[in-house]
Amino acid sequence: MPSNSIDSTGTILRDARTRYITGQREEGGAHGAFDAELRRSGRTPRTEVEVSRGAAPADVAELLGVGGDDAVVRTRTMYDGDRVIQLVTTYIPVDVAQAAGIEQVDTGVGGIISRMKDAGYDQGETAIEDIELRTATSSESSRLGLPEGAEVLTINHIGTADGRVVEVTQHVLGKGWKLRYAAPLA
């Protein structure tokens, strides 16, 4: 089965065809896809997590169908050893986060997607991911070890359960990423 990996040069292959499969997210007791992917490659994953309630950006709030401070915000800095390789912010409607028990830092084996599935918010078989290239903010450049004005890839992941958007996750990727997707041809 295709897998996410990091090769000997540090290039990160993010294979969207398999990263959301429960068995891959939970492999070896991993706490989500990122943890499993790096372990599978013999690397040392580390994630710094902050969880709060707050407002989602207007476009994200519209997707989630929330207003005001009706989102749980999970902000993560993800490392390969000591190297920051991505900055990730996830927005979840408060009712979904409460039902899934994901307002704490450690969400257990499989991470938030597994907890949502356990609570009846199974994201099913399709995820939407929009990818954009943009100039990094000063903070992003500094945290990712990039020069001022560098461009970053962003992935805006939209997860749905039974037609409802239950999470929007925004990934900001440092250098050295390769993205792999599959599309039906018929």
C-alpha atoms as a PDB file:
ATOM      1  CA  MET A   1       0.000   0.000   0.000  1.00  0.00           C
ATOM      2  CA  PRO A   2       1.350   3.469  -0.789  1.00  0.00           C
ATOM      3  CA  SER A   3       2.706   5.254   2.220  1.00  0.00           C
ATOM      4  CA  ASN A   4       3.922   8.633   3.337  1.00  0.00           C
ATOM      5  CA  SER A   5       7.643   8.778   3.910  1.00  0.00           C
ATOM      6  CA  ILE A   6      10.760  10.857   4.311  1.00  0.00           C
ATOM      7  CA  ASP A   7      13.749   9.807   2.236  1.00  0.00           C
ATOM      8  CA  SER A   8      17.438  10.009   3.134  1.00  0.00           C
ATOM      9  CA  THR A   9      17.668  13.577   1.749  1.00  0.00           C
ATOM     10  CA  GLY A  10      14.829  14.709   4.022  1.00  0.00           C
ATOM     11  CA  THR A  11      12.268  15.058   1.223  1.00  0.00           C
ATOM     12  CA  ILE A  12       8.799  14.452   2.623  1.00  0.00           C
ATOM     13  CA  LEU A  13       6.350  12.523   0.458  1.00  0.00           C
ATOM     14  CA  ARG A  14       2.799  13.258   1.588  1.00  0.00           C
ATOM     15  CA  ASP A  15       0.654  10.618  -0.094  1.00  0.00           C
ATOM     16  CA  ALA A  16      -2.940  11.812   0.208  1.00  0.00           C
ATOM     17  CA  ARG A  17      -4.154   8.517  -1.256  1.00  0.00           C
ATOM     18  CA  THR A  18      -3.562   6.738   2.054  1.00  0.00           C
ATOM     19  CA  ARG A  19      -2.818   9.157   4.901  1.00  0.00           C
ATOM     20  CA  TYR A  20      -6.429   9.314   6.073  1.00  0.00           C
ATOM     21  CA  ILE A  21      -6.947   5.534   6.253  1.00  0.00           C
ATOM     22  CA  THR A  22      -7.589   4.581   9.888  1.00  0.00           C
ATOM     23  CA  GLY A  23      -5.033   1.750   9.908  1.00  0.00           C
ATOM     24  CA  GLN A  24      -2.315   4.074   8.628  1.00  0.00           C
ATOM     25  CA  ARG A  25      -3.164   6.870  11.140  1.00  0.00           C
ATOM     26  CA  GLU A  26      -3.183   4.432  14.061  1.00  0.00           C
ATOM     27  CA  GLU A  27      -0.278   2.193  13.003  1.00  0.00           C
ATOM     28  CA  GLY A  28       1.903   1.183  15.946  1.00  0.00           C
ATOM     29  CA  GLY A  29      -0.115   3.334  18.347  1.00  0.00           C
ATOM     30  CA  ALA A  30       0.598   6.538  16.387  1.00  0.00           C
ATOM     31  CA  HIS A  31      -1.326   9.650  17.373  1.00  0.00           C
ATOM     32  CA  GLY A  32      -2.326  10.583  13.817  1.00  0.00           C
ATOM     33  CA  ALA A  33      -1.061  10.496  10.255  1.00  0.00           C
ATOM     34  CA  PHE A  34       1.979  12.728  10.838  1.00  0.00           C
ATOM     35  CA  ASP A  35       3.220  10.620  13.762  1.00  0.00           C
ATOM     36  CA  ALA A  36       2.720   7.377  11.815  1.00  0.00           C
ATOM     37  CA  GLU A  37       4.355   8.729   8.647  1.00  0.00           C
ATOM     38  CA  LEU A  38       7.535   9.848  10.345  1.00  0.00           C
ATOM     39  CA  ARG A  39       7.841   6.710  12.487  1.00  0.00           C
ATOM     40  CA  ARG A  40       7.354   4.575   9.371  1.00  0.00           C
ATOM     41  CA  SER A  41      10.316   6.405   7.815  1.00  0.00           C
ATOM     42  CA  GLY A  42      12.504   5.796  10.869  1.00  0.00           C
ATOM     43  CA  ARG A  43      12.312   9.464  11.852  1.00  0.00           C
ATOM     44  CA  THR A  44      11.543  11.152  15.161  1.00  0.00           C
ATOM     45  CA  PRO A  45       8.232  13.024  15.070  1.00  0.00           C
ATOM     46  CA  ARG A  46       7.509  15.719  17.589  1.00  0.00           C
ATOM     47  CA  THR A  47       4.528  18.043  17.776  1.00  0.00           C
ATOM     48  CA  GLU A  48       3.919  21.084  19.944  1.00  0.00           C
ATOM     49  CA  VAL A  49       0.168  21.571  20.385  1.00  0.00           C
ATOM     50  CA  GLU A  50      -1.932  24.451  21.684  1.00  0.00           C
ATOM     51  CA  VAL A  51      -5.710  24.132  22.013  1.00  0.00           C
ATOM     52  CA  SER A  52      -8.122  26.990  22.578  1.00  0.00           C
ATOM     53  CA  ARG A  53     -11.580  28.226  21.736  1.00  0.00           C
ATOM     54  CA  GLY A  54     -11.756  31.166  19.407  1.00  0.00           C
ATOM     55  CA  ALA A  55     -12.894  32.616  16.153  1.00  0.00           C
ATOM     56  CA  ALA A  56     -12.077  30.968  12.859  1.00  0.00           C
ATOM     57  CA  PRO A  57     -11.132  33.183   9.893  1.00  0.00           C
ATOM     58  CA  ALA A  58     -14.287  34.315   8.046  1.00  0.00           C
ATOM     59  CA  ASP A  59     -13.874  31.882   5.133  1.00  0.00           C
ATOM     60  CA  VAL A  60     -13.273  28.953   7.504  1.00  0.00           C
ATOM     61  CA  ALA A  61     -16.173  29.960   9.782  1.00  0.00           C
ATOM     62  CA  GLU A  62     -18.444  29.977   6.737  1.00  0.00           C
ATOM     63  CA  LEU A  63     -17.332  26.454   5.754  1.00  0.00           C
ATOM     64  CA  LEU A  64     -17.855  25.215   9.331  1.00  0.00           C
ATOM     65  CA  GLY A  65     -21.170  27.028   9.707  1.00  0.00           C
ATOM     66  CA  VAL A  66     -20.027  28.723  12.927  1.00  0.00           C
ATOM     67  CA  GLY A  67     -19.866  32.299  14.120  1.00  0.00           C
ATOM     68  CA  GLY A  68     -18.186  34.251  16.871  1.00  0.00           C
ATOM     69  CA  ASP A  69     -15.933  32.127  19.046  1.00  0.00           C
ATOM     70  CA  ASP A  70     -17.658  28.871  18.142  1.00  0.00           C
ATOM     71  CA  ALA A  71     -14.545  26.999  17.034  1.00  0.00           C
ATOM     72  CA  VAL A  72     -11.968  24.885  18.783  1.00  0.00           C
ATOM     73  CA  VAL A  73      -8.580  25.879  17.402  1.00  0.00           C
ATOM     74  CA  ARG A  74      -5.735  23.341  17.460  1.00  0.00           C
ATOM     75  CA  THR A  75      -2.410  24.966  16.540  1.00  0.00           C
ATOM     76  CA  ARG A  76       0.518  22.633  15.939  1.00  0.00           C
ATOM     77  CA  THR A  77       4.191  22.998  15.134  1.00  0.00           C
ATOM     78  CA  MET A  78       5.384  19.715  13.650  1.00  0.00           C
ATOM     79  CA  TYR A  79       8.976  18.574  13.697  1.00  0.00           C
ATOM     80  CA  ASP A  80      11.194  15.912  12.168  1.00  0.00           C
ATOM     81  CA  GLY A  81      13.636  15.681  15.069  1.00  0.00           C
ATOM     82  CA  ASP A  82      14.604  19.313  15.667  1.00  0.00           C
ATOM     83  CA  ARG A  83      13.606  20.552  12.190  1.00  0.00           C
ATOM     84  CA  VAL A  84      10.240  22.315  11.891  1.00  0.00           C
ATOM     85  CA  ILE A  85       8.624  20.905   8.754  1.00  0.00           C
ATOM     86  CA  GLN A  86       5.094  22.248   8.934  1.00  0.00           C
ATOM     87  CA  LEU A  87       2.797  24.610  10.795  1.00  0.00           C
ATOM     88  CA  VAL A  88      -0.778  23.389  11.141  1.00  0.00           C
ATOM     89  CA  THR A  89      -3.962  24.989  12.417  1.00  0.00           C
ATOM     90  CA  THR A  90      -7.223  23.049  12.664  1.00  0.00           C
ATOM     91  CA  TYR A  91     -10.643  24.610  13.237  1.00  0.00           C
ATOM     92  CA  ILE A  92     -13.467  22.404  14.555  1.00  0.00           C
ATOM     93  CA  PRO A  93     -17.035  23.355  15.524  1.00  0.00           C
ATOM     94  CA  VAL A  94     -17.304  23.353  19.347  1.00  0.00           C
ATOM     95  CA  ASP A  95     -20.131  20.780  19.379  1.00  0.00           C
ATOM     96  CA  VAL A  96     -18.068  18.336  17.296  1.00  0.00           C
ATOM     97  CA  ALA A  97     -14.955  18.868  19.429  1.00  0.00           C
ATOM     98  CA  GLN A  98     -16.939  18.307  22.632  1.00  0.00           C
ATOM     99  CA  ALA A  99     -18.609  15.150  21.324  1.00  0.00           C
ATOM    100  CA  ALA A 100     -15.256  13.777  20.123  1.00  0.00           C
ATOM    101  CA  GLY A 101     -13.335  14.813  23.262  1.00  0.00           C
ATOM    102  CA  ILE A 102     -10.643  16.648  21.324  1.00  0.00           C
ATOM    103  CA  GLU A 103     -10.173  19.828  23.323  1.00  0.00           C
ATOM    104  CA  GLN A 104      -7.145  18.381  25.126  1.00  0.00           C
ATOM    105  CA  VAL A 105      -3.606  18.366  23.743  1.00  0.00           C
ATOM    106  CA  ASP A 106      -3.250  14.568  23.485  1.00  0.00           C
ATOM    107  CA  THR A 107      -6.105  13.098  21.475  1.00  0.00           C
ATOM    108  CA  GLY A 108      -4.825   9.519  21.614  1.00  0.00           C
ATOM    109  CA  VAL A 109      -4.168   6.864  19.013  1.00  0.00           C
ATOM    110  CA  GLY A 110      -5.158   8.004  15.521  1.00  0.00           C
ATOM    111  CA  GLY A 111      -5.549  11.658  16.530  1.00  0.00           C
ATOM    112  CA  ILE A 112      -8.577  13.877  16.011  1.00  0.00           C
ATOM    113  CA  ILE A 113      -9.889  12.084  12.933  1.00  0.00           C
ATOM    114  CA  SER A 114     -10.110   8.807  14.884  1.00  0.00           C
ATOM    115  CA  ARG A 115     -11.792  10.557  17.840  1.00  0.00           C
ATOM    116  CA  MET A 116     -14.321  12.135  15.467  1.00  0.00           C
ATOM    117  CA  LYS A 117     -15.001   8.746  13.912  1.00  0.00           C
ATOM    118  CA  ASP A 118     -15.536   7.236  17.389  1.00  0.00           C
ATOM    119  CA  ALA A 119     -18.081  10.013  18.104  1.00  0.00           C
ATOM    120  CA  GLY A 120     -20.040   9.367  14.898  1.00  0.00           C
ATOM    121  CA  TYR A 121     -18.349  11.982  12.706  1.00  0.00           C
ATOM    122  CA  ASP A 122     -16.707   9.575  10.260  1.00  0.00           C
ATOM    123  CA  GLN A 123     -15.101  11.615   7.503  1.00  0.00           C
ATOM    124  CA  GLY A 124     -15.811   8.815   5.058  1.00  0.00           C
ATOM    125  CA  GLU A 125     -13.965   8.283   1.847  1.00  0.00           C
ATOM    126  CA  THR A 126     -13.363  11.769   0.452  1.00  0.00           C
ATOM    127  CA  ALA A 127     -11.436  14.794   1.644  1.00  0.00           C
ATOM    128  CA  ILE A 128     -11.066  18.054  -0.219  1.00  0.00           C
ATOM    129  CA  GLU A 129      -7.638  19.643  -0.231  1.00  0.00           C
ATOM    130  CA  ASP A 130      -6.898  22.976  -1.881  1.00  0.00           C
ATOM    131  CA  ILE A 131      -3.220  23.687  -2.475  1.00  0.00           C
ATOM    132  CA  GLU A 132      -1.802  27.156  -2.962  1.00  0.00           C
ATOM    133  CA  LEU A 133       1.617  28.739  -3.301  1.00  0.00           C
ATOM    134  CA  ARG A 134       1.971  32.037  -1.443  1.00  0.00           C
ATOM    135  CA  THR A 135       4.538  34.232   0.235  1.00  0.00           C
ATOM    136  CA  ALA A 136       5.255  33.189   3.811  1.00  0.00           C
ATOM    137  CA  THR A 137       4.511  35.616   6.606  1.00  0.00           C
ATOM    138  CA  SER A 138       7.494  36.869   8.618  1.00  0.00           C
ATOM    139  CA  SER A 139       6.557  34.519  11.461  1.00  0.00           C
ATOM    140  CA  GLU A 140       6.224  31.519   9.124  1.00  0.00           C
ATOM    141  CA  SER A 141       9.574  32.288   7.460  1.00  0.00           C
ATOM    142  CA  SER A 142      11.279  32.517  10.834  1.00  0.00           C
ATOM    143  CA  ARG A 143       9.698  29.366  12.273  1.00  0.00           C
ATOM    144  CA  LEU A 144      10.290  27.289   9.112  1.00  0.00           C
ATOM    145  CA  GLY A 145      13.877  28.532   8.645  1.00  0.00           C
ATOM    146  CA  LEU A 146      13.108  30.232   5.338  1.00  0.00           C
ATOM    147  CA  PRO A 147      14.419  33.561   4.030  1.00  0.00           C
ATOM    148  CA  GLU A 148      12.076  36.581   4.153  1.00  0.00           C
ATOM    149  CA  GLY A 149       9.835  36.607   1.101  1.00  0.00           C
ATOM    150  CA  ALA A 150      10.125  32.851   0.511  1.00  0.00           C
ATOM    151  CA  GLU A 151       7.128  31.055  -0.888  1.00  0.00           C
ATOM    152  CA  VAL A 152       5.359  28.254   0.958  1.00  0.00           C
ATOM    153  CA  LEU A 153       2.890  25.629  -0.117  1.00  0.00           C
ATOM    154  CA  THR A 154      -0.342  25.584   1.832  1.00  0.00           C
ATOM    155  CA  ILE A 155      -2.870  22.773   2.019  1.00  0.00           C
ATOM    156  CA  ASN A 156      -6.384  23.647   3.103  1.00  0.00           C
ATOM    157  CA  HIS A 157      -7.952  20.319   4.141  1.00  0.00           C
ATOM    158  CA  ILE A 158     -11.741  20.233   4.433  1.00  0.00           C
ATOM    159  CA  GLY A 159     -13.133  17.176   6.229  1.00  0.00           C
ATOM    160  CA  THR A 160     -16.836  16.333   6.087  1.00  0.00           C
ATOM    161  CA  ALA A 161     -19.071  13.814   7.848  1.00  0.00           C
ATOM    162  CA  ASP A 162     -22.552  13.147   6.493  1.00  0.00           C
ATOM    163  CA  GLY A 163     -22.394  16.326   4.408  1.00  0.00           C
ATOM    164  CA  ARG A 164     -21.307  18.581   7.297  1.00  0.00           C
ATOM    165  CA  VAL A 165     -17.871  20.204   7.430  1.00  0.00           C
ATOM    166  CA  VAL A 166     -16.398  18.991  10.734  1.00  0.00           C
ATOM    167  CA  GLU A 167     -12.855  20.281  10.372  1.00  0.00           C
ATOM    168  CA  VAL A 168     -10.787  22.673   8.320  1.00  0.00           C
ATOM    169  CA  THR A 169      -7.054  22.151   8.660  1.00  0.00           C
ATOM    170  CA  GLN A 170      -4.567  24.591   7.221  1.00  0.00           C
ATOM    171  CA  HIS A 171      -1.045  23.227   6.646  1.00  0.00           C
ATOM    172  CA  VAL A 172       1.888  25.550   5.906  1.00  0.00           C
ATOM    173  CA  LEU A 173       4.756  23.490   4.510  1.00  0.00           C
ATOM    174  CA  GLY A 174       8.452  24.232   4.751  1.00  0.00           C
ATOM    175  CA  LYS A 175      10.919  23.272   2.042  1.00  0.00           C
ATOM    176  CA  GLY A 176      11.402  19.722   0.848  1.00  0.00           C
ATOM    177  CA  TRP A 177       7.842  18.497   0.286  1.00  0.00           C
ATOM    178  CA  LYS A 178       6.399  16.353  -2.500  1.00  0.00           C
ATOM    179  CA  LEU A 179       2.616  15.933  -2.675  1.00  0.00           C
ATOM    180  CA  ARG A 180       0.956  12.899  -4.257  1.00  0.00           C
ATOM    181  CA  TYR A 181      -2.722  12.632  -5.162  1.00  0.00           C
ATOM    182  CA  ALA A 182      -4.836  10.353  -7.318  1.00  0.00           C
ATOM    183  CA  ALA A 183      -7.809  11.273  -9.454  1.00  0.00           C
ATOM    184  CA  PRO A 184     -10.318   9.008 -11.181  1.00  0.00           C
ATOM    185  CA  LEU A 185      -9.866   8.951 -14.955  1.00  0.00           C
ATOM    186  CA  ALA A 186     -13.392   7.958 -15.846  1.00  0.00           C
END
